[in-house]
Amino acid sequence: MTGAGEDWLSDGLDIEGADCGLWVPGVDYMAGWRDAREAADRLNRALLGAGFELSQVRAVASTDEGGRGVVRMACWPDAVDRLTGLLEAVAYGDGGAA
């Protein structure tokens, strides 16, 4: 998944603290991260298709302490407002018009 340039994971959004924590020896963090990366890539493609810029909102792959994949969202508040409007429109049945 690519975005605006090669540094799309760090262009404008502070997400460096998302993965902080201790790693447990013997836990396969990579398998969980790969699963999360695939899911995050799908979501990022959907966000791009909906007209979002990945510099404003994006899904980021991570793992929890047990090695399970986790997808976190890194977003600017105005992008969250726009995404919320789209999700509410779908949830309340007006076909996603926002």
PDB file of N, CA and C in Angstrom:
ATOM      1  N   MET A   1       0.859  -1.177   0.000  1.00  0.00           N
ATOM      2  CA  MET A   1       0.000   0.000   0.000  1.00  0.00           C
ATOM      3  C   MET A   1       0.884   1.211   0.000  1.00  0.00           C
ATOM      4  N   THR A   2       0.599   2.122  -0.856  1.00  0.00           N
ATOM      5  CA  THR A   2       1.375   3.353  -0.916  1.00  0.00           C
ATOM      6  C   THR A   2       0.464   4.541  -0.754  1.00  0.00           C
ATOM      7  N   GLY A   3       1.052   5.629  -0.388  1.00  0.00           N
ATOM      8  CA  GLY A   3       0.296   6.862  -0.231  1.00  0.00           C
ATOM      9  C   GLY A   3       1.074   7.993  -0.853  1.00  0.00           C
ATOM     10  N   ALA A   4       1.081   9.115  -0.207  1.00  0.00           N
ATOM     11  CA  ALA A   4       1.744  10.303  -0.733  1.00  0.00           C
ATOM     12  C   ALA A   4       3.236  10.212  -0.459  1.00  0.00           C
ATOM     13  N   GLY A   5       3.979   9.602  -1.355  1.00  0.00           N
ATOM     14  CA  GLY A   5       5.423   9.486  -1.192  1.00  0.00           C
ATOM     15  C   GLY A   5       5.810   8.243  -0.421  1.00  0.00           C
ATOM     16  N   GLU A   6       7.116   8.054  -0.270  1.00  0.00           N
ATOM     17  CA  GLU A   6       7.614   6.857   0.394  1.00  0.00           C
ATOM     18  C   GLU A   6       7.414   6.896   1.897  1.00  0.00           C
ATOM     19  N   ASP A   7       7.267   8.065   2.491  1.00  0.00           N
ATOM     20  CA  ASP A   7       7.123   8.179   3.933  1.00  0.00           C
ATOM     21  C   ASP A   7       5.675   8.344   4.352  1.00  0.00           C
ATOM     22  N   TRP A   8       4.749   7.688   3.643  1.00  0.00           N
ATOM     23  CA  TRP A   8       3.328   7.903   3.910  1.00  0.00           C
ATOM     24  C   TRP A   8       2.921   7.472   5.303  1.00  0.00           C
ATOM     25  N   LEU A   9       3.680   6.593   5.961  1.00  0.00           N
ATOM     26  CA  LEU A   9       3.316   6.190   7.317  1.00  0.00           C
ATOM     27  C   LEU A   9       3.620   7.263   8.346  1.00  0.00           C
ATOM     28  N   SER A  10       4.435   8.232   8.006  1.00  0.00           N
ATOM     29  CA  SER A  10       4.771   9.239   9.002  1.00  0.00           C
ATOM     30  C   SER A  10       4.565  10.660   8.519  1.00  0.00           C
ATOM     31  N   ASP A  11       3.859  10.864   7.426  1.00  0.00           N
ATOM     32  CA  ASP A  11       3.707  12.217   6.897  1.00  0.00           C
ATOM     33  C   ASP A  11       2.542  12.948   7.546  1.00  0.00           C
ATOM     34  N   GLY A  12       2.842  13.609   8.666  1.00  0.00           N
ATOM     35  CA  GLY A  12       1.857  14.468   9.290  1.00  0.00           C
ATOM     36  C   GLY A  12       1.152  13.892  10.504  1.00  0.00           C
ATOM     37  N   LEU A  13       1.123  12.592  10.668  1.00  0.00           N
ATOM     38  CA  LEU A  13       0.433  11.995  11.804  1.00  0.00           C
ATOM     39  C   LEU A  13       1.448  11.321  12.712  1.00  0.00           C
ATOM     40  N   ASP A  14       1.379  11.610  14.005  1.00  0.00           N
ATOM     41  CA  ASP A  14       2.295  11.008  14.966  1.00  0.00           C
ATOM     42  C   ASP A  14       1.760   9.650  15.377  1.00  0.00           C
ATOM     43  N   ILE A  15       2.358   8.588  14.842  1.00  0.00           N
ATOM     44  CA  ILE A  15       1.902   7.232  15.185  1.00  0.00           C
ATOM     45  C   ILE A  15       3.017   6.401  15.792  1.00  0.00           C
ATOM     46  N   GLU A  16       4.140   7.038  16.108  1.00  0.00           N
ATOM     47  CA  GLU A  16       5.286   6.291  16.587  1.00  0.00           C
ATOM     48  C   GLU A  16       5.036   5.629  17.926  1.00  0.00           C
ATOM     49  N   GLY A  17       4.174   6.152  18.765  1.00  0.00           N
ATOM     50  CA  GLY A  17       3.934   5.568  20.074  1.00  0.00           C
ATOM     51  C   GLY A  17       2.969   4.405  20.061  1.00  0.00           C
ATOM     52  N   ALA A  18       2.376   4.096  18.911  1.00  0.00           N
ATOM     53  CA  ALA A  18       1.341   3.069  18.857  1.00  0.00           C
ATOM     54  C   ALA A  18       1.846   1.687  19.188  1.00  0.00           C
ATOM     55  N   ASP A  19       3.107   1.382  18.899  1.00  0.00           N
ATOM     56  CA  ASP A  19       3.627   0.035  19.100  1.00  0.00           C
ATOM     57  C   ASP A  19       4.514  -0.093  20.333  1.00  0.00           C
ATOM     58  N   CYS A  20       4.545   0.923  21.171  1.00  0.00           N
ATOM     59  CA  CYS A  20       5.423   0.875  22.329  1.00  0.00           C
ATOM     60  C   CYS A  20       5.009  -0.240  23.270  1.00  0.00           C
ATOM     61  N   GLY A  21       5.982  -0.897  23.838  1.00  0.00           N
ATOM     62  CA  GLY A  21       5.719  -1.964  24.792  1.00  0.00           C
ATOM     63  C   GLY A  21       6.832  -2.975  24.751  1.00  0.00           C
ATOM     64  N   LEU A  22       6.757  -3.943  25.649  1.00  0.00           N
ATOM     65  CA  LEU A  22       7.768  -4.983  25.723  1.00  0.00           C
ATOM     66  C   LEU A  22       7.427  -6.123  24.793  1.00  0.00           C
ATOM     67  N   TRP A  23       8.435  -6.687  24.176  1.00  0.00           N
ATOM     68  CA  TRP A  23       8.251  -7.861  23.342  1.00  0.00           C
ATOM     69  C   TRP A  23       8.552  -9.089  24.184  1.00  0.00           C
ATOM     70  N   VAL A  24       7.737 -10.110  24.045  1.00  0.00           N
ATOM     71  CA  VAL A  24       7.889 -11.340  24.807  1.00  0.00           C
ATOM     72  C   VAL A  24       8.655 -12.350  23.950  1.00  0.00           C
ATOM     73  N   PRO A  25       9.742 -12.901  24.476  1.00  0.00           N
ATOM     74  CA  PRO A  25      10.482 -13.905  23.708  1.00  0.00           C
ATOM     75  C   PRO A  25       9.586 -15.087  23.334  1.00  0.00           C
ATOM     76  N   GLY A  26       9.741 -15.558  22.109  1.00  0.00           N
ATOM     77  CA  GLY A  26       8.983 -16.719  21.657  1.00  0.00           C
ATOM     78  C   GLY A  26       7.633 -16.404  21.037  1.00  0.00           C
ATOM     79  N   VAL A  27       7.178 -15.166  21.116  1.00  0.00           N
ATOM     80  CA  VAL A  27       5.899 -14.793  20.516  1.00  0.00           C
ATOM     81  C   VAL A  27       6.149 -14.396  19.063  1.00  0.00           C
ATOM     82  N   ASP A  28       5.358 -14.969  18.155  1.00  0.00           N
ATOM     83  CA  ASP A  28       5.503 -14.679  16.728  1.00  0.00           C
ATOM     84  C   ASP A  28       4.726 -13.405  16.387  1.00  0.00           C
ATOM     85  N   TYR A  29       5.371 -12.273  16.593  1.00  0.00           N
ATOM     86  CA  TYR A  29       4.732 -10.990  16.308  1.00  0.00           C
ATOM     87  C   TYR A  29       4.559 -10.756  14.808  1.00  0.00           C
ATOM     88  N   MET A  30       5.452 -11.310  14.006  1.00  0.00           N
ATOM     89  CA  MET A  30       5.398 -11.069  12.562  1.00  0.00           C
ATOM     90  C   MET A  30       4.145 -11.660  11.924  1.00  0.00           C
ATOM     91  N   ALA A  31       3.711 -12.828  12.351  1.00  0.00           N
ATOM     92  CA  ALA A  31       2.507 -13.431  11.770  1.00  0.00           C
ATOM     93  C   ALA A  31       1.289 -12.543  12.035  1.00  0.00           C
ATOM     94  N   GLY A  32       1.157 -12.077  13.262  1.00  0.00           N
ATOM     95  CA  GLY A  32       0.050 -11.185  13.591  1.00  0.00           C
ATOM     96  C   GLY A  32       0.139  -9.872  12.842  1.00  0.00           C
ATOM     97  N   TRP A  33       1.353  -9.337  12.716  1.00  0.00           N
ATOM     98  CA  TRP A  33       1.534  -8.082  11.998  1.00  0.00           C
ATOM     99  C   TRP A  33       1.185  -8.244  10.528  1.00  0.00           C
ATOM    100  N   ARG A  34       1.575  -9.376   9.913  1.00  0.00           N
ATOM    101  CA  ARG A  34       1.248  -9.596   8.499  1.00  0.00           C
ATOM    102  C   ARG A  34      -0.272  -9.631   8.291  1.00  0.00           C
ATOM    103  N   ASP A  35      -0.989 -10.302   9.185  1.00  0.00           N
ATOM    104  CA  ASP A  35      -2.458 -10.322   9.091  1.00  0.00           C
ATOM    105  C   ASP A  35      -3.021  -8.910   9.212  1.00  0.00           C
ATOM    106  N   ALA A  36      -2.501  -8.166  10.180  1.00  0.00           N
ATOM    107  CA  ALA A  36      -2.966  -6.796  10.381  1.00  0.00           C
ATOM    108  C   ALA A  36      -2.609  -5.923   9.186  1.00  0.00           C
ATOM    109  N   ARG A  37      -1.448  -6.147   8.592  1.00  0.00           N
ATOM    110  CA  ARG A  37      -1.024  -5.355   7.435  1.00  0.00           C
ATOM    111  C   ARG A  37      -1.967  -5.575   6.251  1.00  0.00           C
ATOM    112  N   GLU A  38      -2.357  -6.827   6.018  1.00  0.00           N
ATOM    113  CA  GLU A  38      -3.292  -7.111   4.927  1.00  0.00           C
ATOM    114  C   GLU A  38      -4.627  -6.408   5.158  1.00  0.00           C
ATOM    115  N   ALA A  39      -5.126  -6.468   6.391  1.00  0.00           N
ATOM    116  CA  ALA A  39      -6.391  -5.806   6.711  1.00  0.00           C
ATOM    117  C   ALA A  39      -6.259  -4.289   6.590  1.00  0.00           C
ATOM    118  N   ALA A  40      -5.148  -3.739   7.090  1.00  0.00           N
ATOM    119  CA  ALA A  40      -4.917  -2.290   7.001  1.00  0.00           C
ATOM    120  C   ALA A  40      -4.814  -1.847   5.546  1.00  0.00           C
ATOM    121  N   ASP A  41      -4.153  -2.638   4.718  1.00  0.00           N
ATOM    122  CA  ASP A  41      -4.048  -2.302   3.293  1.00  0.00           C
ATOM    123  C   ASP A  41      -5.419  -2.264   2.632  1.00  0.00           C
ATOM    124  N   ARG A  42      -6.280  -3.238   2.947  1.00  0.00           N
ATOM    125  CA  ARG A  42      -7.639  -3.243   2.382  1.00  0.00           C
ATOM    126  C   ARG A  42      -8.401  -1.996   2.809  1.00  0.00           C
ATOM    127  N   LEU A  43      -8.306  -1.663   4.093  1.00  0.00           N
ATOM    128  CA  LEU A  43      -9.000  -0.481   4.593  1.00  0.00           C
ATOM    129  C   LEU A  43      -8.433   0.792   3.963  1.00  0.00           C
ATOM    130  N   ASN A  44      -7.125   0.870   3.820  1.00  0.00           N
ATOM    131  CA  ASN A  44      -6.519   2.051   3.194  1.00  0.00           C
ATOM    132  C   ASN A  44      -6.948   2.196   1.742  1.00  0.00           C
ATOM    133  N   ARG A  45      -7.073   1.084   1.023  1.00  0.00           N
ATOM    134  CA  ARG A  45      -7.577   1.170  -0.356  1.00  0.00           C
ATOM    135  C   ARG A  45      -9.013   1.685  -0.367  1.00  0.00           C
ATOM    136  N   ALA A  46      -9.829   1.232   0.577  1.00  0.00           N
ATOM    137  CA  ALA A  46     -11.216   1.708   0.661  1.00  0.00           C
ATOM    138  C   ALA A  46     -11.252   3.199   1.004  1.00  0.00           C
ATOM    139  N   LEU A  47     -10.383   3.636   1.907  1.00  0.00           N
ATOM    140  CA  LEU A  47     -10.322   5.055   2.253  1.00  0.00           C
ATOM    141  C   LEU A  47      -9.921   5.896   1.049  1.00  0.00           C
ATOM    142  N   LEU A  48      -8.936   5.421   0.299  1.00  0.00           N
ATOM    143  CA  LEU A  48      -8.535   6.122  -0.922  1.00  0.00           C
ATOM    144  C   LEU A  48      -9.697   6.175  -1.913  1.00  0.00           C
ATOM    145  N   GLY A  49     -10.413   5.067  -2.063  1.00  0.00           N
ATOM    146  CA  GLY A  49     -11.552   5.013  -2.968  1.00  0.00           C
ATOM    147  C   GLY A  49     -12.674   5.948  -2.563  1.00  0.00           C
ATOM    148  N   ALA A  50     -12.768   6.239  -1.267  1.00  0.00           N
ATOM    149  CA  ALA A  50     -13.796   7.159  -0.768  1.00  0.00           C
ATOM    150  C   ALA A  50     -13.332   8.609  -0.817  1.00  0.00           C
ATOM    151  N   GLY A  51     -12.136   8.837  -1.354  1.00  0.00           N
ATOM    152  CA  GLY A  51     -11.659  10.205  -1.521  1.00  0.00           C
ATOM    153  C   GLY A  51     -10.799  10.746  -0.399  1.00  0.00           C
ATOM    154  N   PHE A  52     -10.415   9.908   0.551  1.00  0.00           N
ATOM    155  CA  PHE A  52      -9.554  10.369   1.640  1.00  0.00           C
ATOM    156  C   PHE A  52      -8.100  10.372   1.188  1.00  0.00           C
ATOM    157  N   GLU A  53      -7.295  11.208   1.805  1.00  0.00           N
ATOM    158  CA  GLU A  53      -5.844  11.234   1.612  1.00  0.00           C
ATOM    159  C   GLU A  53      -5.229  10.457   2.773  1.00  0.00           C
ATOM    160  N   LEU A  54      -4.276   9.582   2.474  1.00  0.00           N
ATOM    161  CA  LEU A  54      -3.655   8.798   3.537  1.00  0.00           C
ATOM    162  C   LEU A  54      -2.778   9.647   4.448  1.00  0.00           C
ATOM    163  N   SER A  55      -2.509  10.884   4.075  1.00  0.00           N
ATOM    164  CA  SER A  55      -1.791  11.788   4.969  1.00  0.00           C
ATOM    165  C   SER A  55      -2.721  12.342   6.053  1.00  0.00           C
ATOM    166  N   GLN A  56      -4.041  12.133   5.897  1.00  0.00           N
ATOM    167  CA  GLN A  56      -5.018  12.633   6.865  1.00  0.00           C
ATOM    168  C   GLN A  56      -5.662  11.524   7.679  1.00  0.00           C
ATOM    169  N   VAL A  57      -5.836  10.368   7.078  1.00  0.00           N
ATOM    170  CA  VAL A  57      -6.448   9.233   7.772  1.00  0.00           C
ATOM    171  C   VAL A  57      -5.901   7.951   7.155  1.00  0.00           C
ATOM    172  N   ARG A  58      -5.524   7.018   8.009  1.00  0.00           N
ATOM    173  CA  ARG A  58      -5.035   5.744   7.486  1.00  0.00           C
ATOM    174  C   ARG A  58      -5.086   4.670   8.569  1.00  0.00           C
ATOM    175  N   ALA A  59      -5.131   3.448   8.096  1.00  0.00           N
ATOM    176  CA  ALA A  59      -5.054   2.277   8.968  1.00  0.00           C
ATOM    177  C   ALA A  59      -3.594   1.861   9.069  1.00  0.00           C
ATOM    178  N   VAL A  60      -3.163   1.503  10.268  1.00  0.00           N
ATOM    179  CA  VAL A  60      -1.775   1.147  10.525  1.00  0.00           C
ATOM    180  C   VAL A  60      -1.728  -0.221  11.206  1.00  0.00           C
ATOM    181  N   ALA A  61      -0.919  -1.129  10.663  1.00  0.00           N
ATOM    182  CA  ALA A  61      -0.779  -2.475  11.221  1.00  0.00           C
ATOM    183  C   ALA A  61       0.089  -2.445  12.473  1.00  0.00           C
ATOM    184  N   SER A  62      -0.288  -3.280  13.431  1.00  0.00           N
ATOM    185  CA  SER A  62       0.453  -3.403  14.676  1.00  0.00           C
ATOM    186  C   SER A  62       0.157  -4.781  15.256  1.00  0.00           C
ATOM    187  N   THR A  63       0.690  -5.042  16.442  1.00  0.00           N
ATOM    188  CA  THR A  63       0.354  -6.263  17.178  1.00  0.00           C
ATOM    189  C   THR A  63       0.120  -5.904  18.630  1.00  0.00           C
ATOM    190  N   ASP A  64      -0.582  -6.799  19.314  1.00  0.00           N
ATOM    191  CA  ASP A  64      -0.714  -6.620  20.755  1.00  0.00           C
ATOM    192  C   ASP A  64       0.373  -7.428  21.454  1.00  0.00           C
ATOM    193  N   GLU A  65       0.352  -7.426  22.774  1.00  0.00           N
ATOM    194  CA  GLU A  65       1.397  -8.101  23.541  1.00  0.00           C
ATOM    195  C   GLU A  65       1.426  -9.607  23.323  1.00  0.00           C
ATOM    196  N   GLY A  66       0.316 -10.190  22.866  1.00  0.00           N
ATOM    197  CA  GLY A  66       0.254 -11.625  22.616  1.00  0.00           C
ATOM    198  C   GLY A  66       0.584 -12.000  21.180  1.00  0.00           C
ATOM    199  N   GLY A  67       0.917 -11.020  20.355  1.00  0.00           N
ATOM    200  CA  GLY A  67       1.273 -11.288  18.966  1.00  0.00           C
ATOM    201  C   GLY A  67       0.106 -11.283  18.003  1.00  0.00           C
ATOM    202  N   ARG A  68      -1.097 -10.984  18.488  1.00  0.00           N
ATOM    203  CA  ARG A  68      -2.263 -10.886  17.601  1.00  0.00           C
ATOM    204  C   ARG A  68      -2.194  -9.587  16.814  1.00  0.00           C
ATOM    205  N   GLY A  69      -2.630  -9.669  15.557  1.00  0.00           N
ATOM    206  CA  GLY A  69      -2.650  -8.481  14.721  1.00  0.00           C
ATOM    207  C   GLY A  69      -3.656  -7.466  15.218  1.00  0.00           C
ATOM    208  N   VAL A  70      -3.292  -6.207  15.130  1.00  0.00           N
ATOM    209  CA  VAL A  70      -4.148  -5.093  15.523  1.00  0.00           C
ATOM    210  C   VAL A  70      -4.060  -4.049  14.415  1.00  0.00           C
ATOM    211  N   VAL A  71      -5.192  -3.484  14.035  1.00  0.00           N
ATOM    212  CA  VAL A  71      -5.198  -2.380  13.078  1.00  0.00           C
ATOM    213  C   VAL A  71      -5.645  -1.143  13.835  1.00  0.00           C
ATOM    214  N   ARG A  72      -4.788  -0.150  13.820  1.00  0.00           N
ATOM    215  CA  ARG A  72      -5.090   1.122  14.465  1.00  0.00           C
ATOM    216  C   ARG A  72      -5.360   2.162  13.384  1.00  0.00           C
ATOM    217  N   MET A  73      -6.200   3.121  13.718  1.00  0.00           N
ATOM    218  CA  MET A  73      -6.449   4.238  12.813  1.00  0.00           C
ATOM    219  C   MET A  73      -5.670   5.443  13.318  1.00  0.00           C
ATOM    220  N   ALA A  74      -4.978   6.091  12.401  1.00  0.00           N
ATOM    221  CA  ALA A  74      -4.283   7.341  12.699  1.00  0.00           C
ATOM    222  C   ALA A  74      -4.960   8.405  11.840  1.00  0.00           C
ATOM    223  N   CYS A  75      -5.536   9.418  12.492  1.00  0.00           N
ATOM    224  CA  CYS A  75      -6.382  10.360  11.756  1.00  0.00           C
ATOM    225  C   CYS A  75      -6.271  11.766  12.324  1.00  0.00           C
ATOM    226  N   TRP A  76      -6.439  12.735  11.423  1.00  0.00           N
ATOM    227  CA  TRP A  76      -6.656  14.109  11.825  1.00  0.00           C
ATOM    228  C   TRP A  76      -8.121  14.227  12.249  1.00  0.00           C
ATOM    229  N   PRO A  77      -8.434  15.075  13.212  1.00  0.00           N
ATOM    230  CA  PRO A  77      -9.825  15.198  13.675  1.00  0.00           C
ATOM    231  C   PRO A  77     -10.825  15.515  12.568  1.00  0.00           C
ATOM    232  N   ASP A  78     -10.478  16.375  11.617  1.00  0.00           N
ATOM    233  CA  ASP A  78     -11.435  16.702  10.563  1.00  0.00           C
ATOM    234  C   ASP A  78     -11.695  15.493   9.666  1.00  0.00           C
ATOM    235  N   ALA A  79     -10.699  14.640   9.470  1.00  0.00           N
ATOM    236  CA  ALA A  79     -10.904  13.418   8.695  1.00  0.00           C
ATOM    237  C   ALA A  79     -11.790  12.438   9.459  1.00  0.00           C
ATOM    238  N   VAL A  80     -11.645  12.398  10.784  1.00  0.00           N
ATOM    239  CA  VAL A  80     -12.518  11.554  11.604  1.00  0.00           C
ATOM    240  C   VAL A  80     -13.961  12.029  11.479  1.00  0.00           C
ATOM    241  N   ASP A  81     -14.158  13.332  11.504  1.00  0.00           N
ATOM    242  CA  ASP A  81     -15.511  13.874  11.348  1.00  0.00           C
ATOM    243  C   ASP A  81     -16.113  13.462  10.006  1.00  0.00           C
ATOM    244  N   ARG A  82     -15.329  13.556   8.955  1.00  0.00           N
ATOM    245  CA  ARG A  82     -15.821  13.177   7.619  1.00  0.00           C
ATOM    246  C   ARG A  82     -16.121  11.677   7.549  1.00  0.00           C
ATOM    247  N   LEU A  83     -15.205  10.843   8.075  1.00  0.00           N
ATOM    248  CA  LEU A  83     -15.412   9.401   8.077  1.00  0.00           C
ATOM    249  C   LEU A  83     -16.623   9.028   8.934  1.00  0.00           C
ATOM    250  N   THR A  84     -16.788   9.692  10.051  1.00  0.00           N
ATOM    251  CA  THR A  84     -17.960   9.463  10.906  1.00  0.00           C
ATOM    252  C   THR A  84     -19.243   9.769  10.151  1.00  0.00           C
ATOM    253  N   GLY A  85     -19.247  10.873   9.406  1.00  0.00           N
ATOM    254  CA  GLY A  85     -20.423  11.226   8.611  1.00  0.00           C
ATOM    255  C   GLY A  85     -20.757  10.152   7.585  1.00  0.00           C
ATOM    256  N   LEU A  86     -19.734   9.615   6.924  1.00  0.00           N
ATOM    257  CA  LEU A  86     -19.969   8.548   5.944  1.00  0.00           C
ATOM    258  C   LEU A  86     -20.519   7.290   6.605  1.00  0.00           C
ATOM    259  N   LEU A  87     -19.936   6.908   7.732  1.00  0.00           N
ATOM    260  CA  LEU A  87     -20.405   5.702   8.434  1.00  0.00           C
ATOM    261  C   LEU A  87     -21.819   5.884   8.983  1.00  0.00           C
ATOM    262  N   GLU A  88     -22.114   7.054   9.511  1.00  0.00           N
ATOM    263  CA  GLU A  88     -23.462   7.311  10.001  1.00  0.00           C
ATOM    264  C   GLU A  88     -24.468   7.281   8.857  1.00  0.00           C
ATOM    265  N   ALA A  89     -24.100   7.811   7.707  1.00  0.00           N
ATOM    266  CA  ALA A  89     -25.001   7.797   6.561  1.00  0.00           C
ATOM    267  C   ALA A  89     -25.309   6.370   6.146  1.00  0.00           C
ATOM    268  N   VAL A  90     -24.312   5.511   6.152  1.00  0.00           N
ATOM    269  CA  VAL A  90     -24.530   4.102   5.815  1.00  0.00           C
ATOM    270  C   VAL A  90     -25.367   3.420   6.894  1.00  0.00           C
ATOM    271  N   ALA A  91     -25.062   3.684   8.146  1.00  0.00           N
ATOM    272  CA  ALA A  91     -25.772   3.052   9.251  1.00  0.00           C
ATOM    273  C   ALA A  91     -27.247   3.456   9.296  1.00  0.00           C
ATOM    274  N   TYR A  92     -27.534   4.690   8.911  1.00  0.00           N
ATOM    275  CA  TYR A  92     -28.915   5.168   9.001  1.00  0.00           C
ATOM    276  C   TYR A  92     -29.645   5.086   7.667  1.00  0.00           C
ATOM    277  N   GLY A  93     -29.015   4.439   6.689  1.00  0.00           N
ATOM    278  CA  GLY A  93     -29.726   4.044   5.479  1.00  0.00           C
ATOM    279  C   GLY A  93     -29.870   5.025   4.350  1.00  0.00           C
ATOM    280  N   ASP A  94     -29.089   6.102   4.311  1.00  0.00           N
ATOM    281  CA  ASP A  94     -29.240   6.982   3.158  1.00  0.00           C
ATOM    282  C   ASP A  94     -28.158   6.729   2.101  1.00  0.00           C
ATOM    283  N   GLY A  95     -27.603   5.505   2.102  1.00  0.00           N
ATOM    284  CA  GLY A  95     -26.726   5.078   1.042  1.00  0.00           C
ATOM    285  C   GLY A  95     -25.324   5.635   1.047  1.00  0.00           C
ATOM    286  N   GLY A  96     -24.904   6.255   2.138  1.00  0.00           N
ATOM    287  CA  GLY A  96     -23.542   6.752   2.226  1.00  0.00           C
ATOM    288  C   GLY A  96     -23.355   8.160   1.731  1.00  0.00           C
ATOM    289  N   ALA A  97     -24.436   8.859   1.416  1.00  0.00           N
ATOM    290  CA  ALA A  97     -24.297  10.251   0.987  1.00  0.00           C
ATOM    291  C   ALA A  97     -23.936  11.103   2.190  1.00  0.00           C
ATOM    292  N   ALA A  98     -22.783  11.749   2.117  1.00  0.00           N
ATOM    293  CA  ALA A  98     -22.364  12.601   3.246  1.00  0.00           C
ATOM    294  C   ALA A  98     -21.872  13.931   2.726  1.00  0.00           C
TER     295      ALA A  98
END
